[in-house]
Amino acid sequence: MFAAASLNAAFSDIATEVFEPQNPGVSVKFSFEGSSTLVDQITNGAPADVFASADQRNMQKAIDADLVEDPINFTDNELTLIVPAGNPGNVTGLDDSLSGIKLVVCHPEVPCGNLTKDVFDRAGIDLNPVSEEQKVTDVRGKIESGEGDAGLVYRTDAIAAGDKVEVIPMSVKGTNIYPIAVVKEAKDPELAQKFIDAVLSDAGQEIMASYGFSTVSE
């Protein structure tokens, strides 16, 4: 299962609490990376049964490359501005307080990075990060450790970080819709679809919600 890094905890729980009990003897092997990295890996022949992207743009790349079957939207996630506990950089929002601090974001090719660029463009402020990460979880890690003064992550990352970070309100909002699909070269398309069904089930959606994800319609 190839899935966006932000899905790590939720999908791991869905596998152990929903999918595997329904399919005795089957265990799930995950690869959690940035969605753009996963598309590249599948394109280059990496074995995958399911692809779950953190945005529609990278799923569209997979569609255009004829890699996946009939994607379905299964959740969404909101961009969130976080700072280390205590807010040492005195960040107040998407404003001049971001100038001269250590701002950490995702690389523009990664869904959270593309969304960050869009939000900053709409806010009319320059984006001058000290670091661009390939995974949103790496952005979160640098803020949790205090290596960065502020970072743009997803709502679910802010929740997962707990009291290690503080959330700063944003004047401009941004949301990514997450699609999931069976990979055309899947070794077992039926089992792959069963995992997607587990994600879409009431039990799967309850797990997603417990991590801060929202449910979206098809």
N, C-alpha and C. Protein backbone atom coordinates (compact mmCIF):
# COMPACT_ATOMS: atom_id res chain seq x y z
N MET A 1 0.84 -1.18 0.00
CA MET A 1 0.00 0.00 0.00
C MET A 1 0.88 1.25 0.00
N PHE A 2 0.77 2.06 -1.02
CA PHE A 2 1.52 3.31 -1.12
C PHE A 2 0.59 4.44 -0.70
N ALA A 3 0.96 5.14 0.38
CA ALA A 3 0.07 6.17 0.91
C ALA A 3 0.85 7.39 1.35
N ALA A 4 0.21 8.55 1.24
CA ALA A 4 0.81 9.81 1.65
C ALA A 4 1.23 9.74 3.11
N ALA A 5 2.34 10.42 3.43
CA ALA A 5 2.92 10.35 4.77
C ALA A 5 1.93 10.75 5.86
N SER A 6 1.04 11.68 5.56
CA SER A 6 0.09 12.16 6.56
C SER A 6 -0.93 11.09 6.96
N LEU A 7 -1.00 10.00 6.20
CA LEU A 7 -1.96 8.93 6.48
C LEU A 7 -1.38 7.82 7.35
N ASN A 8 -0.14 7.96 7.76
CA ASN A 8 0.57 6.87 8.43
C ASN A 8 -0.21 6.27 9.60
N ALA A 9 -0.54 7.07 10.58
CA ALA A 9 -1.18 6.55 11.78
C ALA A 9 -2.58 6.01 11.49
N ALA A 10 -3.37 6.77 10.74
CA ALA A 10 -4.75 6.37 10.47
C ALA A 10 -4.81 5.07 9.66
N PHE A 11 -4.01 4.98 8.60
CA PHE A 11 -4.04 3.78 7.76
C PHE A 11 -3.48 2.57 8.51
N SER A 12 -2.48 2.79 9.34
CA SER A 12 -1.93 1.67 10.13
C SER A 12 -3.00 1.10 11.04
N ASP A 13 -3.79 1.98 11.65
CA ASP A 13 -4.88 1.51 12.52
C ASP A 13 -5.98 0.82 11.72
N ILE A 14 -6.31 1.36 10.56
CA ILE A 14 -7.34 0.73 9.73
C ILE A 14 -6.90 -0.67 9.32
N ALA A 15 -5.62 -0.82 9.02
CA ALA A 15 -5.10 -2.14 8.63
C ALA A 15 -5.25 -3.14 9.77
N THR A 16 -4.84 -2.75 10.98
CA THR A 16 -4.82 -3.70 12.09
C THR A 16 -6.18 -3.88 12.75
N GLU A 17 -7.03 -2.85 12.70
CA GLU A 17 -8.30 -2.92 13.41
C GLU A 17 -9.49 -3.27 12.52
N VAL A 18 -9.37 -3.03 11.22
CA VAL A 18 -10.50 -3.26 10.31
C VAL A 18 -10.16 -4.29 9.23
N PHE A 19 -9.15 -3.98 8.42
CA PHE A 19 -8.86 -4.82 7.24
C PHE A 19 -8.34 -6.21 7.60
N GLU A 20 -7.32 -6.29 8.44
CA GLU A 20 -6.72 -7.59 8.73
C GLU A 20 -7.66 -8.53 9.48
N PRO A 21 -8.47 -8.05 10.44
CA PRO A 21 -9.44 -8.96 11.06
C PRO A 21 -10.47 -9.49 10.07
N GLN A 22 -10.78 -8.71 9.04
CA GLN A 22 -11.73 -9.15 8.03
C GLN A 22 -11.10 -10.08 7.00
N ASN A 23 -9.77 -10.11 6.97
CA ASN A 23 -9.04 -10.91 5.98
C ASN A 23 -7.94 -11.70 6.69
N PRO A 24 -8.31 -12.75 7.43
CA PRO A 24 -7.33 -13.52 8.21
C PRO A 24 -6.18 -14.03 7.35
N GLY A 25 -4.98 -13.91 7.90
CA GLY A 25 -3.79 -14.38 7.20
C GLY A 25 -3.17 -13.35 6.28
N VAL A 26 -3.84 -12.22 6.12
CA VAL A 26 -3.32 -11.16 5.25
C VAL A 26 -2.75 -10.03 6.11
N SER A 27 -1.55 -9.60 5.81
CA SER A 27 -0.96 -8.45 6.50
C SER A 27 -0.63 -7.38 5.46
N VAL A 28 -0.68 -6.14 5.90
CA VAL A 28 -0.48 -5.02 4.99
C VAL A 28 0.93 -4.46 5.14
N LYS A 29 1.59 -4.26 4.03
CA LYS A 29 2.90 -3.61 4.02
C LYS A 29 2.74 -2.22 3.42
N PHE A 30 3.12 -1.21 4.18
CA PHE A 30 2.93 0.17 3.75
C PHE A 30 4.24 0.81 3.31
N SER A 31 4.10 1.78 2.41
CA SER A 31 5.17 2.73 2.11
C SER A 31 4.55 4.11 2.23
N PHE A 32 4.96 4.85 3.26
CA PHE A 32 4.44 6.20 3.49
C PHE A 32 5.49 7.22 3.08
N GLU A 33 5.19 7.97 2.03
CA GLU A 33 6.10 8.99 1.52
C GLU A 33 5.29 10.17 1.01
N GLY A 34 5.98 11.18 0.50
CA GLY A 34 5.29 12.26 -0.19
C GLY A 34 4.60 11.71 -1.42
N SER A 35 3.42 12.23 -1.74
CA SER A 35 2.63 11.67 -2.85
C SER A 35 3.37 11.72 -4.18
N SER A 36 4.11 12.80 -4.43
CA SER A 36 4.84 12.90 -5.69
C SER A 36 5.92 11.83 -5.79
N THR A 37 6.57 11.53 -4.66
CA THR A 37 7.57 10.46 -4.63
C THR A 37 6.94 9.11 -4.94
N LEU A 38 5.76 8.87 -4.38
CA LEU A 38 5.08 7.60 -4.59
C LEU A 38 4.68 7.42 -6.06
N VAL A 39 4.19 8.49 -6.68
CA VAL A 39 3.83 8.41 -8.10
C VAL A 39 5.07 8.06 -8.93
N ASP A 40 6.18 8.70 -8.62
CA ASP A 40 7.42 8.41 -9.35
C ASP A 40 7.83 6.95 -9.17
N GLN A 41 7.69 6.45 -7.95
CA GLN A 41 8.09 5.07 -7.68
C GLN A 41 7.20 4.08 -8.43
N ILE A 42 5.89 4.33 -8.43
CA ILE A 42 4.98 3.44 -9.16
C ILE A 42 5.26 3.51 -10.66
N THR A 43 5.51 4.71 -11.15
CA THR A 43 5.84 4.89 -12.57
C THR A 43 7.08 4.09 -12.95
N ASN A 44 8.03 4.02 -12.02
CA ASN A 44 9.28 3.32 -12.29
C ASN A 44 9.22 1.83 -11.97
N GLY A 45 8.00 1.33 -11.70
CA GLY A 45 7.83 -0.11 -11.55
C GLY A 45 7.79 -0.65 -10.14
N ALA A 46 7.79 0.21 -9.13
CA ALA A 46 7.71 -0.27 -7.76
C ALA A 46 6.38 -1.00 -7.56
N PRO A 47 6.39 -2.15 -6.90
CA PRO A 47 5.15 -2.92 -6.72
C PRO A 47 4.22 -2.25 -5.71
N ALA A 48 3.01 -1.98 -6.13
CA ALA A 48 2.01 -1.36 -5.25
C ALA A 48 0.64 -1.87 -5.63
N ASP A 49 -0.22 -2.04 -4.64
CA ASP A 49 -1.59 -2.49 -4.89
C ASP A 49 -2.59 -1.34 -4.79
N VAL A 50 -2.30 -0.40 -3.88
CA VAL A 50 -3.18 0.74 -3.65
C VAL A 50 -2.33 2.00 -3.60
N PHE A 51 -2.85 3.09 -4.16
CA PHE A 51 -2.20 4.39 -4.05
C PHE A 51 -3.19 5.37 -3.44
N ALA A 52 -2.80 5.98 -2.32
CA ALA A 52 -3.60 7.02 -1.67
C ALA A 52 -2.79 8.30 -1.67
N SER A 53 -3.30 9.32 -2.34
CA SER A 53 -2.59 10.58 -2.50
C SER A 53 -3.15 11.65 -1.57
N ALA A 54 -2.29 12.59 -1.17
CA ALA A 54 -2.73 13.70 -0.33
C ALA A 54 -3.25 14.87 -1.16
N ASP A 55 -3.38 14.68 -2.45
CA ASP A 55 -4.03 15.70 -3.28
C ASP A 55 -4.49 15.08 -4.59
N GLN A 56 -5.33 15.80 -5.30
CA GLN A 56 -5.84 15.31 -6.57
C GLN A 56 -4.83 15.49 -7.70
N ARG A 57 -3.92 16.45 -7.54
CA ARG A 57 -2.94 16.72 -8.58
C ARG A 57 -2.05 15.51 -8.83
N ASN A 58 -1.53 14.90 -7.76
CA ASN A 58 -0.66 13.73 -7.94
C ASN A 58 -1.44 12.49 -8.36
N MET A 59 -2.69 12.38 -7.93
CA MET A 59 -3.51 11.28 -8.44
C MET A 59 -3.75 11.46 -9.93
N GLN A 60 -3.93 12.71 -10.37
CA GLN A 60 -4.12 12.95 -11.79
C GLN A 60 -2.89 12.53 -12.59
N LYS A 61 -1.71 12.74 -12.01
CA LYS A 61 -0.48 12.26 -12.68
C LYS A 61 -0.53 10.75 -12.87
N ALA A 62 -1.02 10.05 -11.84
CA ALA A 62 -1.13 8.60 -11.93
C ALA A 62 -2.17 8.19 -12.97
N ILE A 63 -3.26 8.94 -13.04
CA ILE A 63 -4.29 8.66 -14.05
C ILE A 63 -3.72 8.88 -15.45
N ASP A 64 -3.04 10.00 -15.63
CA ASP A 64 -2.48 10.33 -16.95
C ASP A 64 -1.45 9.30 -17.40
N ALA A 65 -0.76 8.69 -16.43
CA ALA A 65 0.24 7.66 -16.75
C ALA A 65 -0.38 6.27 -16.83
N ASP A 66 -1.71 6.20 -16.71
CA ASP A 66 -2.45 4.93 -16.80
C ASP A 66 -1.99 3.94 -15.73
N LEU A 67 -1.82 4.45 -14.50
CA LEU A 67 -1.31 3.63 -13.41
C LEU A 67 -2.40 3.12 -12.47
N VAL A 68 -3.57 3.78 -12.45
CA VAL A 68 -4.58 3.46 -11.44
C VAL A 68 -5.96 3.30 -12.06
N GLU A 69 -6.84 2.67 -11.26
CA GLU A 69 -8.23 2.44 -11.67
C GLU A 69 -9.18 3.28 -10.82
N ASP A 70 -10.01 4.08 -11.42
CA ASP A 70 -11.17 4.72 -10.81
C ASP A 70 -10.94 5.27 -9.39
N PRO A 71 -10.17 6.33 -9.24
CA PRO A 71 -9.94 6.91 -7.91
C PRO A 71 -11.24 7.40 -7.27
N ILE A 72 -11.26 7.37 -5.95
CA ILE A 72 -12.39 7.89 -5.20
C ILE A 72 -11.86 8.79 -4.09
N ASN A 73 -12.52 9.92 -3.87
CA ASN A 73 -12.12 10.83 -2.79
C ASN A 73 -12.63 10.27 -1.46
N PHE A 74 -11.74 10.22 -0.46
CA PHE A 74 -12.15 9.59 0.80
C PHE A 74 -11.96 10.46 2.03
N THR A 75 -11.27 11.59 1.91
CA THR A 75 -11.11 12.47 3.06
C THR A 75 -10.52 13.79 2.59
N ASP A 76 -10.41 14.75 3.50
CA ASP A 76 -9.66 15.97 3.20
C ASP A 76 -8.92 16.42 4.44
N ASN A 77 -8.03 17.40 4.26
CA ASN A 77 -7.14 17.83 5.33
C ASN A 77 -6.82 19.31 5.13
N GLU A 78 -6.83 20.07 6.20
CA GLU A 78 -6.65 21.52 6.12
C GLU A 78 -5.22 21.92 6.48
N LEU A 79 -4.67 22.85 5.71
CA LEU A 79 -3.34 23.38 5.99
C LEU A 79 -3.37 24.16 7.30
N THR A 80 -2.34 23.98 8.11
CA THR A 80 -2.31 24.56 9.45
C THR A 80 -0.92 25.13 9.74
N LEU A 81 -0.88 26.29 10.36
CA LEU A 81 0.37 26.93 10.75
C LEU A 81 0.69 26.57 12.19
N ILE A 82 1.85 25.93 12.40
CA ILE A 82 2.23 25.55 13.76
C ILE A 82 3.57 26.17 14.14
N VAL A 83 3.76 26.33 15.44
CA VAL A 83 5.02 26.84 16.00
C VAL A 83 5.38 25.95 17.19
N PRO A 84 6.65 25.95 17.61
CA PRO A 84 7.00 25.18 18.80
C PRO A 84 6.26 25.72 20.03
N ALA A 85 6.07 24.87 21.01
CA ALA A 85 5.42 25.30 22.25
C ALA A 85 6.11 26.54 22.80
N GLY A 86 5.32 27.53 23.16
CA GLY A 86 5.87 28.78 23.66
C GLY A 86 6.04 29.84 22.59
N ASN A 87 5.95 29.43 21.32
CA ASN A 87 6.04 30.34 20.18
C ASN A 87 7.26 31.27 20.28
N PRO A 88 8.47 30.68 20.29
CA PRO A 88 9.69 31.49 20.46
C PRO A 88 9.91 32.52 19.36
N GLY A 89 9.35 32.29 18.18
CA GLY A 89 9.53 33.23 17.08
C GLY A 89 8.49 34.34 17.06
N ASN A 90 7.56 34.31 18.03
CA ASN A 90 6.49 35.32 18.12
C ASN A 90 5.70 35.44 16.82
N VAL A 91 5.34 34.32 16.26
CA VAL A 91 4.56 34.29 15.02
C VAL A 91 3.10 34.60 15.35
N THR A 92 2.50 35.46 14.54
CA THR A 92 1.11 35.86 14.79
C THR A 92 0.15 35.44 13.68
N GLY A 93 0.68 34.93 12.58
CA GLY A 93 -0.19 34.50 11.49
C GLY A 93 0.51 34.61 10.15
N LEU A 94 -0.28 34.62 9.09
CA LEU A 94 0.27 34.80 7.74
C LEU A 94 0.51 36.28 7.51
N ASP A 95 1.59 36.78 8.11
CA ASP A 95 1.86 38.21 8.08
C ASP A 95 3.37 38.46 8.19
N ASP A 96 3.74 39.69 8.49
CA ASP A 96 5.16 40.06 8.56
C ASP A 96 5.92 39.33 9.66
N SER A 97 5.20 38.71 10.60
CA SER A 97 5.89 37.99 11.68
C SER A 97 6.66 36.78 11.14
N LEU A 98 6.37 36.37 9.90
CA LEU A 98 7.08 35.23 9.30
C LEU A 98 8.41 35.65 8.68
N SER A 99 8.66 36.95 8.59
CA SER A 99 9.91 37.45 8.02
C SER A 99 11.04 37.29 9.03
N GLY A 100 12.15 36.76 8.58
CA GLY A 100 13.33 36.66 9.43
C GLY A 100 13.32 35.50 10.41
N ILE A 101 12.31 34.64 10.34
CA ILE A 101 12.29 33.47 11.22
C ILE A 101 12.65 32.22 10.41
N LYS A 102 12.82 31.11 11.10
CA LYS A 102 13.11 29.84 10.43
C LYS A 102 11.78 29.15 10.08
N LEU A 103 11.36 29.36 8.83
CA LEU A 103 10.10 28.81 8.34
C LEU A 103 10.38 27.50 7.60
N VAL A 104 9.67 26.45 7.96
CA VAL A 104 9.84 25.14 7.35
C VAL A 104 8.55 24.76 6.63
N VAL A 105 8.67 24.33 5.38
CA VAL A 105 7.50 23.96 4.59
C VAL A 105 7.81 22.67 3.82
N CYS A 106 6.80 22.17 3.13
CA CYS A 106 7.00 21.03 2.23
C CYS A 106 7.50 21.53 0.88
N HIS A 107 8.22 20.66 0.18
CA HIS A 107 8.68 20.98 -1.17
C HIS A 107 7.46 21.22 -2.07
N PRO A 108 7.55 22.15 -3.03
CA PRO A 108 6.40 22.48 -3.88
C PRO A 108 5.81 21.30 -4.64
N GLU A 109 6.61 20.26 -4.91
CA GLU A 109 6.09 19.09 -5.63
C GLU A 109 5.24 18.20 -4.74
N VAL A 110 5.38 18.37 -3.42
CA VAL A 110 4.61 17.58 -2.46
C VAL A 110 3.27 18.29 -2.23
N PRO A 111 2.17 17.54 -2.04
CA PRO A 111 0.87 18.18 -1.88
C PRO A 111 0.81 19.32 -0.87
N CYS A 112 1.40 19.12 0.32
CA CYS A 112 1.32 20.18 1.32
C CYS A 112 2.15 21.39 0.89
N GLY A 113 3.20 21.17 0.10
CA GLY A 113 4.01 22.27 -0.39
C GLY A 113 3.30 23.07 -1.47
N ASN A 114 2.62 22.37 -2.36
CA ASN A 114 1.85 23.04 -3.40
C ASN A 114 0.72 23.85 -2.79
N LEU A 115 0.07 23.28 -1.77
CA LEU A 115 -1.01 23.99 -1.08
C LEU A 115 -0.47 25.20 -0.32
N THR A 116 0.70 25.05 0.29
CA THR A 116 1.32 26.16 1.01
C THR A 116 1.59 27.33 0.06
N LYS A 117 2.15 27.03 -1.11
CA LYS A 117 2.42 28.08 -2.09
C LYS A 117 1.14 28.79 -2.50
N ASP A 118 0.08 28.02 -2.71
CA ASP A 118 -1.20 28.61 -3.10
C ASP A 118 -1.73 29.54 -2.01
N VAL A 119 -1.65 29.10 -0.75
CA VAL A 119 -2.14 29.92 0.36
C VAL A 119 -1.33 31.20 0.49
N PHE A 120 -0.01 31.10 0.40
CA PHE A 120 0.84 32.29 0.51
C PHE A 120 0.58 33.25 -0.65
N ASP A 121 0.37 32.72 -1.84
CA ASP A 121 0.06 33.57 -2.99
C ASP A 121 -1.24 34.33 -2.75
N ARG A 122 -2.24 33.63 -2.26
CA ARG A 122 -3.53 34.29 -2.01
C ARG A 122 -3.47 35.27 -0.85
N ALA A 123 -2.55 35.00 0.09
CA ALA A 123 -2.38 35.92 1.23
C ALA A 123 -1.55 37.14 0.85
N GLY A 124 -0.87 37.06 -0.31
CA GLY A 124 -0.08 38.18 -0.78
C GLY A 124 1.22 38.38 -0.02
N ILE A 125 1.79 37.29 0.49
CA ILE A 125 3.06 37.40 1.21
C ILE A 125 4.09 36.47 0.57
N ASP A 126 5.36 36.85 0.71
CA ASP A 126 6.44 36.06 0.13
C ASP A 126 6.69 34.81 0.97
N LEU A 127 7.01 33.73 0.27
CA LEU A 127 7.34 32.47 0.93
C LEU A 127 8.85 32.29 0.88
N ASN A 128 9.50 32.43 2.05
CA ASN A 128 10.96 32.34 2.13
C ASN A 128 11.37 31.31 3.19
N PRO A 129 11.19 30.04 2.90
CA PRO A 129 11.52 29.02 3.90
C PRO A 129 13.02 28.77 4.01
N VAL A 130 13.44 28.28 5.16
CA VAL A 130 14.83 27.86 5.33
C VAL A 130 14.99 26.39 4.93
N SER A 131 13.86 25.69 4.81
CA SER A 131 13.91 24.27 4.48
C SER A 131 12.62 23.85 3.78
N GLU A 132 12.77 23.00 2.75
CA GLU A 132 11.63 22.43 2.04
C GLU A 132 11.73 20.91 2.13
N GLU A 133 10.78 20.30 2.82
CA GLU A 133 10.85 18.87 3.11
C GLU A 133 10.02 18.05 2.11
N GLN A 134 10.41 16.80 1.95
CA GLN A 134 9.71 15.90 1.04
C GLN A 134 8.48 15.26 1.68
N LYS A 135 8.39 15.31 3.01
CA LYS A 135 7.24 14.74 3.72
C LYS A 135 6.74 15.73 4.76
N VAL A 136 5.43 15.84 4.88
CA VAL A 136 4.85 16.76 5.85
C VAL A 136 5.23 16.37 7.28
N THR A 137 5.42 15.08 7.51
CA THR A 137 5.81 14.64 8.85
C THR A 137 7.20 15.14 9.22
N ASP A 138 8.05 15.37 8.22
CA ASP A 138 9.38 15.92 8.49
C ASP A 138 9.29 17.40 8.87
N VAL A 139 8.34 18.12 8.27
CA VAL A 139 8.10 19.51 8.67
C VAL A 139 7.68 19.54 10.14
N ARG A 140 6.71 18.69 10.46
CA ARG A 140 6.23 18.63 11.85
C ARG A 140 7.36 18.32 12.82
N GLY A 141 8.22 17.38 12.45
CA GLY A 141 9.32 17.00 13.32
C GLY A 141 10.27 18.15 13.61
N LYS A 142 10.52 18.99 12.61
CA LYS A 142 11.43 20.12 12.81
C LYS A 142 10.82 21.19 13.70
N ILE A 143 9.50 21.30 13.69
CA ILE A 143 8.86 22.27 14.58
C ILE A 143 8.76 21.70 16.00
N GLU A 144 8.45 20.43 16.11
CA GLU A 144 8.40 19.80 17.43
C GLU A 144 9.74 19.91 18.16
N SER A 145 10.83 19.76 17.40
CA SER A 145 12.17 19.77 18.01
C SER A 145 12.68 21.19 18.26
N GLY A 146 12.00 22.19 17.69
CA GLY A 146 12.46 23.56 17.83
C GLY A 146 13.48 23.97 16.79
N GLU A 147 13.74 23.07 15.84
CA GLU A 147 14.70 23.39 14.77
C GLU A 147 14.15 24.49 13.87
N GLY A 148 12.83 24.55 13.76
CA GLY A 148 12.17 25.61 12.99
C GLY A 148 11.29 26.44 13.90
N ASP A 149 11.07 27.70 13.51
CA ASP A 149 10.22 28.61 14.29
C ASP A 149 8.75 28.51 13.91
N ALA A 150 8.48 28.06 12.69
CA ALA A 150 7.10 27.92 12.22
C ALA A 150 7.09 26.95 11.05
N GLY A 151 5.98 26.25 10.89
CA GLY A 151 5.87 25.31 9.79
C GLY A 151 4.44 25.19 9.32
N LEU A 152 4.29 24.85 8.05
CA LEU A 152 2.97 24.62 7.47
C LEU A 152 2.78 23.12 7.31
N VAL A 153 1.81 22.59 8.03
CA VAL A 153 1.51 21.16 8.01
C VAL A 153 0.00 21.00 7.85
N TYR A 154 -0.48 19.77 8.00
CA TYR A 154 -1.91 19.54 7.98
C TYR A 154 -2.49 19.59 9.39
N ARG A 155 -3.79 19.79 9.44
CA ARG A 155 -4.51 19.77 10.72
C ARG A 155 -4.20 18.50 11.50
N THR A 156 -4.14 17.36 10.80
CA THR A 156 -3.89 16.09 11.47
C THR A 156 -2.50 16.04 12.10
N ASP A 157 -1.53 16.71 11.48
CA ASP A 157 -0.18 16.75 12.05
C ASP A 157 -0.16 17.59 13.32
N ALA A 158 -0.89 18.69 13.31
CA ALA A 158 -0.96 19.54 14.49
C ALA A 158 -1.57 18.77 15.66
N ILE A 159 -2.61 17.99 15.37
CA ILE A 159 -3.25 17.18 16.41
C ILE A 159 -2.28 16.13 16.94
N ALA A 160 -1.57 15.47 16.02
CA ALA A 160 -0.63 14.41 16.41
C ALA A 160 0.52 14.95 17.25
N ALA A 161 0.92 16.20 17.00
CA ALA A 161 2.04 16.79 17.74
C ALA A 161 1.67 17.13 19.17
N GLY A 162 0.38 17.27 19.45
CA GLY A 162 -0.06 17.54 20.82
C GLY A 162 0.50 18.83 21.38
N ASP A 163 0.96 18.77 22.63
CA ASP A 163 1.43 19.99 23.29
C ASP A 163 2.86 20.38 22.92
N LYS A 164 3.44 19.67 21.95
CA LYS A 164 4.77 20.05 21.48
C LYS A 164 4.71 21.28 20.57
N VAL A 165 3.50 21.57 20.06
CA VAL A 165 3.35 22.71 19.15
C VAL A 165 2.12 23.53 19.54
N GLU A 166 2.05 24.72 18.98
CA GLU A 166 0.87 25.56 19.09
C GLU A 166 0.37 25.89 17.69
N VAL A 167 -0.93 26.02 17.54
CA VAL A 167 -1.53 26.36 16.26
C VAL A 167 -1.79 27.86 16.21
N ILE A 168 -1.35 28.48 15.13
CA ILE A 168 -1.55 29.92 14.92
C ILE A 168 -2.64 30.10 13.86
N PRO A 169 -3.70 30.86 14.16
CA PRO A 169 -4.78 31.05 13.19
C PRO A 169 -4.27 31.63 11.87
N MET A 170 -4.85 31.17 10.77
CA MET A 170 -4.48 31.63 9.44
C MET A 170 -5.63 32.42 8.83
N SER A 171 -5.32 33.56 8.23
CA SER A 171 -6.34 34.40 7.61
C SER A 171 -6.81 33.85 6.28
N VAL A 172 -5.98 33.01 5.65
CA VAL A 172 -6.33 32.39 4.37
C VAL A 172 -6.29 30.88 4.57
N LYS A 173 -7.35 30.20 4.15
CA LYS A 173 -7.46 28.76 4.36
C LYS A 173 -7.05 27.98 3.12
N GLY A 174 -6.67 26.73 3.34
CA GLY A 174 -6.33 25.85 2.23
C GLY A 174 -6.62 24.41 2.61
N THR A 175 -7.22 23.67 1.69
CA THR A 175 -7.59 22.27 1.96
C THR A 175 -7.21 21.40 0.78
N ASN A 176 -6.70 20.21 1.07
CA ASN A 176 -6.44 19.21 0.04
C ASN A 176 -7.43 18.06 0.17
N ILE A 177 -7.95 17.61 -0.96
CA ILE A 177 -8.81 16.43 -1.01
C ILE A 177 -7.94 15.22 -1.33
N TYR A 178 -8.17 14.12 -0.61
CA TYR A 178 -7.37 12.91 -0.75
C TYR A 178 -8.12 11.84 -1.56
N PRO A 179 -7.59 11.41 -2.70
CA PRO A 179 -8.18 10.29 -3.44
C PRO A 179 -7.39 8.99 -3.22
N ILE A 180 -8.06 7.87 -3.43
CA ILE A 180 -7.43 6.55 -3.29
C ILE A 180 -7.86 5.69 -4.46
N ALA A 181 -6.98 4.78 -4.91
CA ALA A 181 -7.30 3.97 -6.08
C ALA A 181 -6.50 2.67 -6.06
N VAL A 182 -7.05 1.67 -6.75
CA VAL A 182 -6.32 0.42 -6.99
C VAL A 182 -5.32 0.67 -8.11
N VAL A 183 -4.09 0.21 -7.91
CA VAL A 183 -3.06 0.31 -8.95
C VAL A 183 -3.32 -0.76 -10.01
N LYS A 184 -3.23 -0.40 -11.27
CA LYS A 184 -3.56 -1.33 -12.35
C LYS A 184 -2.69 -2.58 -12.36
N GLU A 185 -1.45 -2.45 -11.88
CA GLU A 185 -0.55 -3.60 -11.85
C GLU A 185 -0.58 -4.33 -10.51
N ALA A 186 -1.63 -4.11 -9.73
CA ALA A 186 -1.76 -4.76 -8.42
C ALA A 186 -1.71 -6.27 -8.57
N LYS A 187 -0.99 -6.93 -7.66
CA LYS A 187 -0.90 -8.39 -7.70
C LYS A 187 -2.23 -9.03 -7.31
N ASP A 188 -2.98 -8.37 -6.44
CA ASP A 188 -4.28 -8.90 -6.01
C ASP A 188 -5.28 -7.75 -5.97
N PRO A 189 -5.87 -7.40 -7.11
CA PRO A 189 -6.79 -6.26 -7.17
C PRO A 189 -7.99 -6.41 -6.23
N GLU A 190 -8.43 -7.65 -6.01
CA GLU A 190 -9.59 -7.87 -5.13
C GLU A 190 -9.26 -7.48 -3.69
N LEU A 191 -8.09 -7.91 -3.22
CA LEU A 191 -7.68 -7.53 -1.87
C LEU A 191 -7.42 -6.03 -1.78
N ALA A 192 -6.87 -5.47 -2.84
CA ALA A 192 -6.62 -4.03 -2.86
C ALA A 192 -7.94 -3.27 -2.69
N GLN A 193 -8.97 -3.72 -3.40
CA GLN A 193 -10.27 -3.07 -3.29
C GLN A 193 -10.85 -3.26 -1.89
N LYS A 194 -10.59 -4.40 -1.29
CA LYS A 194 -11.09 -4.63 0.07
C LYS A 194 -10.45 -3.67 1.07
N PHE A 195 -9.18 -3.32 0.83
CA PHE A 195 -8.56 -2.34 1.73
C PHE A 195 -9.23 -0.98 1.55
N ILE A 196 -9.49 -0.60 0.31
CA ILE A 196 -10.19 0.67 0.06
C ILE A 196 -11.56 0.64 0.72
N ASP A 197 -12.25 -0.49 0.60
CA ASP A 197 -13.56 -0.63 1.25
C ASP A 197 -13.45 -0.46 2.76
N ALA A 198 -12.36 -0.96 3.34
CA ALA A 198 -12.14 -0.81 4.78
C ALA A 198 -11.97 0.66 5.15
N VAL A 199 -11.25 1.40 4.31
CA VAL A 199 -11.06 2.83 4.54
C VAL A 199 -12.39 3.57 4.48
N LEU A 200 -13.25 3.18 3.53
CA LEU A 200 -14.52 3.86 3.32
C LEU A 200 -15.61 3.40 4.28
N SER A 201 -15.38 2.30 4.98
CA SER A 201 -16.38 1.76 5.90
C SER A 201 -16.60 2.70 7.08
N ASP A 202 -17.70 2.48 7.80
CA ASP A 202 -17.97 3.30 8.99
C ASP A 202 -16.83 3.20 9.99
N ALA A 203 -16.32 1.99 10.19
CA ALA A 203 -15.22 1.80 11.14
C ALA A 203 -13.97 2.52 10.67
N GLY A 204 -13.69 2.43 9.37
CA GLY A 204 -12.53 3.11 8.82
C GLY A 204 -12.64 4.61 8.92
N GLN A 205 -13.82 5.13 8.63
CA GLN A 205 -14.02 6.58 8.70
C GLN A 205 -13.98 7.09 10.14
N GLU A 206 -14.40 6.26 11.08
CA GLU A 206 -14.29 6.65 12.49
C GLU A 206 -12.82 6.79 12.89
N ILE A 207 -11.99 5.88 12.40
CA ILE A 207 -10.56 5.96 12.68
C ILE A 207 -9.98 7.22 12.03
N MET A 208 -10.35 7.48 10.78
CA MET A 208 -9.87 8.69 10.11
C MET A 208 -10.25 9.93 10.92
N ALA A 209 -11.50 9.98 11.37
CA ALA A 209 -11.98 11.14 12.13
C ALA A 209 -11.23 11.29 13.45
N SER A 210 -10.84 10.16 14.05
CA SER A 210 -10.14 10.23 15.34
C SER A 210 -8.78 10.90 15.21
N TYR A 211 -8.24 10.93 14.00
CA TYR A 211 -6.96 11.59 13.76
C TYR A 211 -7.12 13.00 13.18
N GLY A 212 -8.37 13.45 13.06
CA GLY A 212 -8.61 14.82 12.61
C GLY A 212 -8.95 14.96 11.14
N PHE A 213 -9.09 13.84 10.44
CA PHE A 213 -9.47 13.90 9.03
C PHE A 213 -10.97 14.15 8.90
N SER A 214 -11.36 14.77 7.79
CA SER A 214 -12.76 14.99 7.49
C SER A 214 -13.20 14.01 6.42
N THR A 215 -14.50 13.80 6.33
CA THR A 215 -15.07 12.95 5.29
C THR A 215 -15.56 13.84 4.16
N VAL A 216 -15.27 13.44 2.93
CA VAL A 216 -15.76 14.18 1.77
C VAL A 216 -16.56 13.25 0.89
N SER A 217 -17.47 13.82 0.14
CA SER A 217 -18.28 13.01 -0.78
C SER A 217 -17.47 12.71 -2.03
N GLU A 218 -17.93 11.73 -2.77
CA GLU A 218 -17.25 11.38 -4.02
C GLU A 218 -17.30 12.55 -4.99
